[in-house]
Amino acid sequence: MITVYAKEGCPKCRVLKLKLNQKNLEFQEFNDMDAMIAMGIKSVPQMKVDDKLYSFEEAIKYVNER
């Protein structure tokens, strides 16, 4: 399962979600900023696949390799 940690209006978040949709990769979006801060997520977008958290750059690379 892919989870995208994103913020409304974030240009990079929009790019990551667009790329995931283009590759037909299913994902759920998580937008609760307080919960993200509690989890240690300090910037968005972040993408979690299974138990691995990817930065924006890592996430784009992951998606492009699919």
Protein backbone atom coordinates (compact mmCIF):
# COMPACT_ATOMS: atom_id res chain seq x y z
CA MET A 1 0.00 0.00 0.00
CA ILE A 2 1.26 3.46 -0.94
CA THR A 3 0.47 6.42 1.28
CA VAL A 4 1.21 9.98 0.16
CA TYR A 5 1.66 12.52 2.93
CA ALA A 6 0.63 15.80 1.35
CA LYS A 7 -0.64 19.30 2.00
CA GLU A 8 -3.41 21.00 0.06
CA GLY A 9 -2.01 23.43 -2.51
CA CYS A 10 1.52 21.96 -2.45
CA PRO A 11 2.97 21.96 -6.01
CA LYS A 12 5.35 19.03 -5.36
CA CYS A 13 2.51 17.05 -3.81
CA ARG A 14 0.45 17.64 -6.94
CA VAL A 15 3.35 16.42 -9.14
CA LEU A 16 3.82 13.24 -7.10
CA LYS A 17 0.10 12.40 -7.16
CA LEU A 18 -0.04 13.07 -10.91
CA LYS A 19 2.90 10.73 -11.54
CA LEU A 20 1.33 8.00 -9.40
CA ASN A 21 -1.92 8.35 -11.36
CA GLN A 22 -0.08 8.25 -14.70
CA LYS A 23 1.52 4.94 -13.69
CA ASN A 24 -1.86 3.63 -12.44
CA LEU A 25 -0.41 3.10 -8.95
CA GLU A 26 -3.09 3.11 -6.28
CA PHE A 27 -2.42 5.27 -3.25
CA GLN A 28 -4.14 6.83 -0.31
CA GLU A 29 -3.59 10.47 0.59
CA PHE A 30 -2.93 11.61 4.15
CA ASN A 31 -3.40 15.32 4.95
CA ASP A 32 -3.45 15.57 8.77
CA MET A 33 -0.53 17.93 9.40
CA ASP A 34 -0.65 17.52 13.20
CA ALA A 35 -0.41 13.74 12.86
CA MET A 36 2.44 14.09 10.34
CA ILE A 37 4.38 16.29 12.74
CA ALA A 38 3.79 13.74 15.51
CA MET A 39 5.18 11.03 13.18
CA GLY A 40 8.31 13.11 12.54
CA ILE A 41 7.39 14.18 9.01
CA LYS A 42 8.70 17.72 8.65
CA SER A 43 8.23 18.32 4.94
CA VAL A 44 5.82 17.19 2.26
CA PRO A 45 5.35 15.37 0.07
CA GLN A 46 6.56 12.14 1.54
CA MET A 47 5.55 8.72 0.29
CA LYS A 48 5.37 5.56 2.35
CA VAL A 49 5.52 2.15 0.71
CA ASP A 50 5.07 -0.68 3.19
CA ASP A 51 7.28 0.58 6.03
CA LYS A 52 9.75 2.68 4.01
CA LEU A 53 9.38 6.46 3.87
CA TYR A 54 10.58 8.24 0.71
CA SER A 55 11.41 11.92 0.26
CA PHE A 56 9.96 13.71 -2.78
CA GLU A 57 13.03 12.98 -4.89
CA GLU A 58 13.16 9.34 -3.82
CA ALA A 59 9.42 8.97 -4.40
CA ILE A 60 9.66 10.34 -7.95
CA LYS A 61 12.51 7.92 -8.68
CA TYR A 62 10.48 5.02 -7.22
CA VAL A 63 7.46 5.90 -9.36
CA ASN A 64 9.52 6.43 -12.54
CA GLU A 65 11.07 2.96 -12.11
CA ARG A 66 7.64 1.30 -12.12
